Amino acid sequence: MPLVAWITLLITTLIIAFTAVGLLRVILHLRHVHATLAALQGGVDAIAERTATVPTVVGSVNGNLAPVRAWCETV
């Protein structure tokens, strides 16, 4: 094989190797970001749970306050 062919193969191999290393670094960075976002999601879920609205209990609260409302209307 001529020398030019060997040089072309060498350059091609180097380009592929550098590209593979670059993609590996991107994969590692994305895995780190995924882990960070997973931890952050747990905190966001806790905040959402603690600051949830009360429409689910409004009906029972109104039912418990019906006698008070009736008494207030008589006054």
PDB file of N, CA and C in Angstrom:
ATOM      1  N   MET A   1       0.849  -1.163   0.000  1.00  0.00           N
ATOM      2  CA  MET A   1       0.000   0.000   0.000  1.00  0.00           C
ATOM      3  C   MET A   1       0.900   1.234   0.000  1.00  0.00           C
ATOM      4  N   PRO A   2       0.539   2.234  -0.766  1.00  0.00           N
ATOM      5  CA  PRO A   2       1.386   3.430  -0.814  1.00  0.00           C
ATOM      6  C   PRO A   2       1.337   4.216   0.495  1.00  0.00           C
ATOM      7  N   LEU A   3       2.313   5.052   0.681  1.00  0.00           N
ATOM      8  CA  LEU A   3       2.442   5.853   1.896  1.00  0.00           C
ATOM      9  C   LEU A   3       1.244   6.774   2.093  1.00  0.00           C
ATOM     10  N   VAL A   4       0.706   7.310   1.015  1.00  0.00           N
ATOM     11  CA  VAL A   4      -0.447   8.224   1.117  1.00  0.00           C
ATOM     12  C   VAL A   4      -1.650   7.498   1.704  1.00  0.00           C
ATOM     13  N   ALA A   5      -1.841   6.256   1.361  1.00  0.00           N
ATOM     14  CA  ALA A   5      -2.954   5.476   1.898  1.00  0.00           C
ATOM     15  C   ALA A   5      -2.783   5.268   3.400  1.00  0.00           C
ATOM     16  N   TRP A   6      -1.546   4.974   3.843  1.00  0.00           N
ATOM     17  CA  TRP A   6      -1.297   4.805   5.281  1.00  0.00           C
ATOM     18  C   TRP A   6      -1.537   6.105   6.047  1.00  0.00           C
ATOM     19  N   ILE A   7      -1.120   7.201   5.473  1.00  0.00           N
ATOM     20  CA  ILE A   7      -1.334   8.500   6.129  1.00  0.00           C
ATOM     21  C   ILE A   7      -2.825   8.816   6.211  1.00  0.00           C
ATOM     22  N   THR A   8      -3.571   8.498   5.164  1.00  0.00           N
ATOM     23  CA  THR A   8      -5.018   8.711   5.169  1.00  0.00           C
ATOM     24  C   THR A   8      -5.684   7.860   6.240  1.00  0.00           C
ATOM     25  N   LEU A   9      -5.276   6.603   6.364  1.00  0.00           N
ATOM     26  CA  LEU A   9      -5.826   5.732   7.402  1.00  0.00           C
ATOM     27  C   LEU A   9      -5.485   6.240   8.801  1.00  0.00           C
ATOM     28  N   LEU A  10      -4.264   6.718   8.976  1.00  0.00           N
ATOM     29  CA  LEU A  10      -3.850   7.247  10.270  1.00  0.00           C
ATOM     30  C   LEU A  10      -4.664   8.484  10.644  1.00  0.00           C
ATOM     31  N   ILE A  11      -4.822   9.398   9.698  1.00  0.00           N
ATOM     32  CA  ILE A  11      -5.593  10.613   9.965  1.00  0.00           C
ATOM     33  C   ILE A  11      -7.052  10.265  10.246  1.00  0.00           C
ATOM     34  N   THR A  12      -7.603   9.325   9.492  1.00  0.00           N
ATOM     35  CA  THR A  12      -8.984   8.888   9.714  1.00  0.00           C
ATOM     36  C   THR A  12      -9.142   8.274  11.097  1.00  0.00           C
ATOM     37  N   THR A  13      -8.181   7.463  11.491  1.00  0.00           N
ATOM     38  CA  THR A  13      -8.222   6.842  12.817  1.00  0.00           C
ATOM     39  C   THR A  13      -8.155   7.894  13.914  1.00  0.00           C
ATOM     40  N   LEU A  14      -7.293   8.880  13.745  1.00  0.00           N
ATOM     41  CA  LEU A  14      -7.191   9.949  14.737  1.00  0.00           C
ATOM     42  C   LEU A  14      -8.480  10.754  14.829  1.00  0.00           C
ATOM     43  N   ILE A  15      -9.090  11.059  13.704  1.00  0.00           N
ATOM     44  CA  ILE A  15     -10.350  11.814  13.716  1.00  0.00           C
ATOM     45  C   ILE A  15     -11.441  11.026  14.432  1.00  0.00           C
ATOM     46  N   ILE A  16     -11.531   9.730  14.132  1.00  0.00           N
ATOM     47  CA  ILE A  16     -12.541   8.885  14.778  1.00  0.00           C
ATOM     48  C   ILE A  16     -12.265   8.777  16.273  1.00  0.00           C
ATOM     49  N   ALA A  17     -11.007   8.641  16.664  1.00  0.00           N
ATOM     50  CA  ALA A  17     -10.658   8.524  18.084  1.00  0.00           C
ATOM     51  C   ALA A  17     -11.005   9.805  18.836  1.00  0.00           C
ATOM     52  N   PHE A  18     -10.656  10.970  18.274  1.00  0.00           N
ATOM     53  CA  PHE A  18     -10.980  12.231  18.940  1.00  0.00           C
ATOM     54  C   PHE A  18     -12.485  12.449  19.025  1.00  0.00           C
ATOM     55  N   THR A  19     -13.204  12.051  17.997  1.00  0.00           N
ATOM     56  CA  THR A  19     -14.655  12.164  18.023  1.00  0.00           C
ATOM     57  C   THR A  19     -15.252  11.254  19.088  1.00  0.00           C
ATOM     58  N   ALA A  20     -14.732  10.045  19.203  1.00  0.00           N
ATOM     59  CA  ALA A  20     -15.224   9.105  20.210  1.00  0.00           C
ATOM     60  C   ALA A  20     -14.964   9.637  21.618  1.00  0.00           C
ATOM     61  N   VAL A  21     -13.798  10.191  21.848  1.00  0.00           N
ATOM     62  CA  VAL A  21     -13.488  10.754  23.173  1.00  0.00           C
ATOM     63  C   VAL A  21     -14.406  11.938  23.467  1.00  0.00           C
ATOM     64  N   GLY A  22     -14.643  12.774  22.470  1.00  0.00           N
ATOM     65  CA  GLY A  22     -15.553  13.907  22.660  1.00  0.00           C
ATOM     66  C   GLY A  22     -16.960  13.457  22.981  1.00  0.00           C
ATOM     67  N   LEU A  23     -17.444  12.446  22.276  1.00  0.00           N
ATOM     68  CA  LEU A  23     -18.785  11.935  22.553  1.00  0.00           C
ATOM     69  C   LEU A  23     -18.862  11.277  23.928  1.00  0.00           C
ATOM     70  N   LEU A  24     -17.805  10.619  24.334  1.00  0.00           N
ATOM     71  CA  LEU A  24     -17.772  10.021  25.667  1.00  0.00           C
ATOM     72  C   LEU A  24     -17.858  11.103  26.746  1.00  0.00           C
ATOM     73  N   ARG A  25     -17.150  12.196  26.538  1.00  0.00           N
ATOM     74  CA  ARG A  25     -17.231  13.305  27.499  1.00  0.00           C
ATOM     75  C   ARG A  25     -18.638  13.875  27.552  1.00  0.00           C
ATOM     76  N   VAL A  26     -19.297  14.005  26.408  1.00  0.00           N
ATOM     77  CA  VAL A  26     -20.672  14.502  26.384  1.00  0.00           C
ATOM     78  C   VAL A  26     -21.596  13.550  27.134  1.00  0.00           C
ATOM     79  N   ILE A  27     -21.409  12.245  26.931  1.00  0.00           N
ATOM     80  CA  ILE A  27     -22.231  11.257  27.634  1.00  0.00           C
ATOM     81  C   ILE A  27     -22.040  11.377  29.137  1.00  0.00           C
ATOM     82  N   LEU A  28     -20.810  11.526  29.586  1.00  0.00           N
ATOM     83  CA  LEU A  28     -20.551  11.646  31.027  1.00  0.00           C
ATOM     84  C   LEU A  28     -21.160  12.917  31.604  1.00  0.00           C
ATOM     85  N   HIS A  29     -21.082  14.016  30.867  1.00  0.00           N
ATOM     86  CA  HIS A  29     -21.705  15.259  31.333  1.00  0.00           C
ATOM     87  C   HIS A  29     -23.222  15.116  31.403  1.00  0.00           C
ATOM     88  N   LEU A  30     -23.816  14.468  30.428  1.00  0.00           N
ATOM     89  CA  LEU A  30     -25.260  14.287  30.431  1.00  0.00           C
ATOM     90  C   LEU A  30     -25.709  13.374  31.569  1.00  0.00           C
ATOM     91  N   ARG A  31     -24.908  12.368  31.905  1.00  0.00           N
ATOM     92  CA  ARG A  31     -25.246  11.511  33.045  1.00  0.00           C
ATOM     93  C   ARG A  31     -25.202  12.302  34.345  1.00  0.00           C
ATOM     94  N   HIS A  32     -24.227  13.192  34.480  1.00  0.00           N
ATOM     95  CA  HIS A  32     -24.146  14.027  35.672  1.00  0.00           C
ATOM     96  C   HIS A  32     -25.353  14.965  35.759  1.00  0.00           C
ATOM     97  N   VAL A  33     -25.724  15.562  34.641  1.00  0.00           N
ATOM     98  CA  VAL A  33     -26.890  16.453  34.623  1.00  0.00           C
ATOM     99  C   VAL A  33     -28.150  15.674  34.963  1.00  0.00           C
ATOM    100  N   HIS A  34     -28.269  14.456  34.457  1.00  0.00           N
ATOM    101  CA  HIS A  34     -29.438  13.626  34.757  1.00  0.00           C
ATOM    102  C   HIS A  34     -29.530  13.338  36.254  1.00  0.00           C
ATOM    103  N   ALA A  35     -28.422  13.029  36.873  1.00  0.00           N
ATOM    104  CA  ALA A  35     -28.424  12.752  38.313  1.00  0.00           C
ATOM    105  C   ALA A  35     -28.796  14.002  39.103  1.00  0.00           C
ATOM    106  N   THR A  36     -28.289  15.145  38.686  1.00  0.00           N
ATOM    107  CA  THR A  36     -28.615  16.392  39.373  1.00  0.00           C
ATOM    108  C   THR A  36     -30.090  16.729  39.227  1.00  0.00           C
ATOM    109  N   LEU A  37     -30.629  16.559  38.038  1.00  0.00           N
ATOM    110  CA  LEU A  37     -32.047  16.847  37.817  1.00  0.00           C
ATOM    111  C   LEU A  37     -32.940  15.869  38.579  1.00  0.00           C
ATOM    112  N   ALA A  38     -32.520  14.629  38.726  1.00  0.00           N
ATOM    113  CA  ALA A  38     -33.303  13.661  39.493  1.00  0.00           C
ATOM    114  C   ALA A  38     -33.369  14.080  40.957  1.00  0.00           C
ATOM    115  N   ALA A  39     -32.251  14.550  41.506  1.00  0.00           N
ATOM    116  CA  ALA A  39     -32.239  15.020  42.892  1.00  0.00           C
ATOM    117  C   ALA A  39     -33.099  16.269  43.034  1.00  0.00           C
ATOM    118  N   LEU A  40     -33.025  17.142  42.069  1.00  0.00           N
ATOM    119  CA  LEU A  40     -33.816  18.371  42.099  1.00  0.00           C
ATOM    120  C   LEU A  40     -35.302  18.063  42.002  1.00  0.00           C
ATOM    121  N   GLN A  41     -35.667  17.058  41.227  1.00  0.00           N
ATOM    122  CA  GLN A  41     -37.080  16.702  41.067  1.00  0.00           C
ATOM    123  C   GLN A  41     -37.679  16.262  42.396  1.00  0.00           C
ATOM    124  N   GLY A  42     -36.905  15.567  43.215  1.00  0.00           N
ATOM    125  CA  GLY A  42     -37.400  15.167  44.532  1.00  0.00           C
ATOM    126  C   GLY A  42     -37.746  16.369  45.391  1.00  0.00           C
ATOM    127  N   GLY A  43     -36.913  17.384  45.364  1.00  0.00           N
ATOM    128  CA  GLY A  43     -37.195  18.604  46.124  1.00  0.00           C
ATOM    129  C   GLY A  43     -38.398  19.343  45.586  1.00  0.00           C
ATOM    130  N   VAL A  44     -38.528  19.398  44.284  1.00  0.00           N
ATOM    131  CA  VAL A  44     -39.673  20.075  43.674  1.00  0.00           C
ATOM    132  C   VAL A  44     -40.963  19.348  44.030  1.00  0.00           C
ATOM    133  N   ASP A  45     -40.947  18.023  44.033  1.00  0.00           N
ATOM    134  CA  ASP A  45     -42.136  17.258  44.406  1.00  0.00           C
ATOM    135  C   ASP A  45     -42.533  17.523  45.855  1.00  0.00           C
ATOM    136  N   ALA A  46     -41.538  17.626  46.746  1.00  0.00           N
ATOM    137  CA  ALA A  46     -41.834  17.907  48.148  1.00  0.00           C
ATOM    138  C   ALA A  46     -42.454  19.298  48.304  1.00  0.00           C
ATOM    139  N   ILE A  47     -41.922  20.275  47.590  1.00  0.00           N
ATOM    140  CA  ILE A  47     -42.481  21.629  47.664  1.00  0.00           C
ATOM    141  C   ILE A  47     -43.896  21.647  47.093  1.00  0.00           C
ATOM    142  N   ALA A  48     -44.124  20.961  45.997  1.00  0.00           N
ATOM    143  CA  ALA A  48     -45.463  20.931  45.397  1.00  0.00           C
ATOM    144  C   ALA A  48     -46.463  20.258  46.331  1.00  0.00           C
ATOM    145  N   GLU A  49     -46.032  19.233  47.028  1.00  0.00           N
ATOM    146  CA  GLU A  49     -46.934  18.549  47.959  1.00  0.00           C
ATOM    147  C   GLU A  49     -47.296  19.448  49.131  1.00  0.00           C
ATOM    148  N   ARG A  50     -46.322  20.190  49.633  1.00  0.00           N
ATOM    149  CA  ARG A  50     -46.577  21.035  50.801  1.00  0.00           C
ATOM    150  C   ARG A  50     -47.338  22.311  50.459  1.00  0.00           C
ATOM    151  N   THR A  51     -47.312  22.714  49.232  1.00  0.00           N
ATOM    152  CA  THR A  51     -48.014  23.934  48.840  1.00  0.00           C
ATOM    153  C   THR A  51     -49.238  23.633  47.986  1.00  0.00           C
ATOM    154  N   ALA A  52     -49.753  22.420  48.071  1.00  0.00           N
ATOM    155  CA  ALA A  52     -50.921  22.041  47.280  1.00  0.00           C
ATOM    156  C   ALA A  52     -52.136  22.838  47.727  1.00  0.00           C
ATOM    157  N   THR A  53     -53.037  23.050  46.803  1.00  0.00           N
ATOM    158  CA  THR A  53     -54.257  23.791  47.128  1.00  0.00           C
ATOM    159  C   THR A  53     -55.188  22.909  47.941  1.00  0.00           C
ATOM    160  N   VAL A  54     -56.242  23.496  48.477  1.00  0.00           N
ATOM    161  CA  VAL A  54     -57.128  22.789  49.393  1.00  0.00           C
ATOM    162  C   VAL A  54     -58.487  22.419  48.805  1.00  0.00           C
ATOM    163  N   PRO A  55     -58.712  22.447  47.515  1.00  0.00           N
ATOM    164  CA  PRO A  55     -60.055  22.124  47.027  1.00  0.00           C
ATOM    165  C   PRO A  55     -60.545  20.735  47.418  1.00  0.00           C
ATOM    166  N   THR A  56     -59.650  19.825  47.712  1.00  0.00           N
ATOM    167  CA  THR A  56     -60.099  18.475  48.063  1.00  0.00           C
ATOM    168  C   THR A  56     -60.772  18.436  49.426  1.00  0.00           C
ATOM    169  N   VAL A  57     -60.461  19.371  50.322  1.00  0.00           N
ATOM    170  CA  VAL A  57     -61.054  19.365  51.660  1.00  0.00           C
ATOM    171  C   VAL A  57     -62.066  20.478  51.863  1.00  0.00           C
ATOM    172  N   VAL A  58     -62.239  21.343  50.878  1.00  0.00           N
ATOM    173  CA  VAL A  58     -63.173  22.459  51.040  1.00  0.00           C
ATOM    174  C   VAL A  58     -64.585  21.949  51.275  1.00  0.00           C
ATOM    175  N   GLY A  59     -64.967  20.887  50.603  1.00  0.00           N
ATOM    176  CA  GLY A  59     -66.319  20.346  50.787  1.00  0.00           C
ATOM    177  C   GLY A  59     -66.575  19.902  52.208  1.00  0.00           C
ATOM    178  N   SER A  60     -65.635  19.205  52.820  1.00  0.00           N
ATOM    179  CA  SER A  60     -65.844  18.743  54.194  1.00  0.00           C
ATOM    180  C   SER A  60     -65.790  19.900  55.186  1.00  0.00           C
ATOM    181  N   VAL A  61     -64.965  20.902  54.908  1.00  0.00           N
ATOM    182  CA  VAL A  61     -64.911  22.077  55.782  1.00  0.00           C
ATOM    183  C   VAL A  61     -66.245  22.813  55.725  1.00  0.00           C
ATOM    184  N   ASN A  62     -66.792  23.003  54.532  1.00  0.00           N
ATOM    185  CA  ASN A  62     -68.094  23.667  54.402  1.00  0.00           C
ATOM    186  C   ASN A  62     -69.187  22.864  55.087  1.00  0.00           C
ATOM    187  N   GLY A  63     -69.111  21.541  55.003  1.00  0.00           N
ATOM    188  CA  GLY A  63     -70.104  20.696  55.679  1.00  0.00           C
ATOM    189  C   GLY A  63     -70.018  20.851  57.191  1.00  0.00           C
ATOM    190  N   ASN A  64     -68.802  20.949  57.723  1.00  0.00           N
ATOM    191  CA  ASN A  64     -68.640  21.115  59.164  1.00  0.00           C
ATOM    192  C   ASN A  64     -69.063  22.503  59.626  1.00  0.00           C
ATOM    193  N   LEU A  65     -69.010  23.496  58.763  1.00  0.00           N
ATOM    194  CA  LEU A  65     -69.374  24.861  59.136  1.00  0.00           C
ATOM    195  C   LEU A  65     -70.847  25.180  58.873  1.00  0.00           C
ATOM    196  N   ALA A  66     -71.609  24.245  58.367  1.00  0.00           N
ATOM    197  CA  ALA A  66     -73.031  24.493  58.076  1.00  0.00           C
ATOM    198  C   ALA A  66     -73.817  24.915  59.321  1.00  0.00           C
ATOM    199  N   PRO A  67     -73.621  24.284  60.459  1.00  0.00           N
ATOM    200  CA  PRO A  67     -74.351  24.753  61.650  1.00  0.00           C
ATOM    201  C   PRO A  67     -73.975  26.174  62.062  1.00  0.00           C
ATOM    202  N   VAL A  68     -72.715  26.529  61.908  1.00  0.00           N
ATOM    203  CA  VAL A  68     -72.276  27.876  62.253  1.00  0.00           C
ATOM    204  C   VAL A  68     -72.915  28.884  61.307  1.00  0.00           C
ATOM    205  N   ARG A  69     -72.968  28.538  60.032  1.00  0.00           N
ATOM    206  CA  ARG A  69     -73.589  29.430  59.048  1.00  0.00           C
ATOM    207  C   ARG A  69     -75.084  29.589  59.367  1.00  0.00           C
ATOM    208  N   ALA A  70     -75.735  28.517  59.716  1.00  0.00           N
ATOM    209  CA  ALA A  70     -77.171  28.584  60.051  1.00  0.00           C
ATOM    210  C   ALA A  70     -77.385  29.473  61.270  1.00  0.00           C
ATOM    211  N   TRP A  71     -76.544  29.332  62.284  1.00  0.00           N
ATOM    212  CA  TRP A  71     -76.679  30.164  63.475  1.00  0.00           C
ATOM    213  C   TRP A  71     -76.436  31.634  63.158  1.00  0.00           C
ATOM    214  N   CYS A  72     -75.419  31.927  62.297  1.00  0.00           N
ATOM    215  CA  CYS A  72     -75.113  33.303  61.933  1.00  0.00           C
ATOM    216  C   CYS A  72     -76.267  33.965  61.174  1.00  0.00           C
ATOM    217  N   GLU A  73     -76.981  33.171  60.393  1.00  0.00           N
ATOM    218  CA  GLU A  73     -78.110  33.729  59.659  1.00  0.00           C
ATOM    219  C   GLU A  73     -79.271  34.092  60.596  1.00  0.00           C
ATOM    220  N   THR A  74     -79.366  33.429  61.718  1.00  0.00           N
ATOM    221  CA  THR A  74     -80.446  33.744  62.660  1.00  0.00           C
ATOM    222  C   THR A  74     -80.142  34.977  63.473  1.00  0.00           C
ATOM    223  N   VAL A  75     -78.907  35.359  63.553  1.00  0.00           N
ATOM    224  CA  VAL A  75     -78.533  36.507  64.399  1.00  0.00           C
ATOM    225  C   VAL A  75     -78.841  37.799  63.729  1.00  0.00           C
TER     226      VAL A  75
END
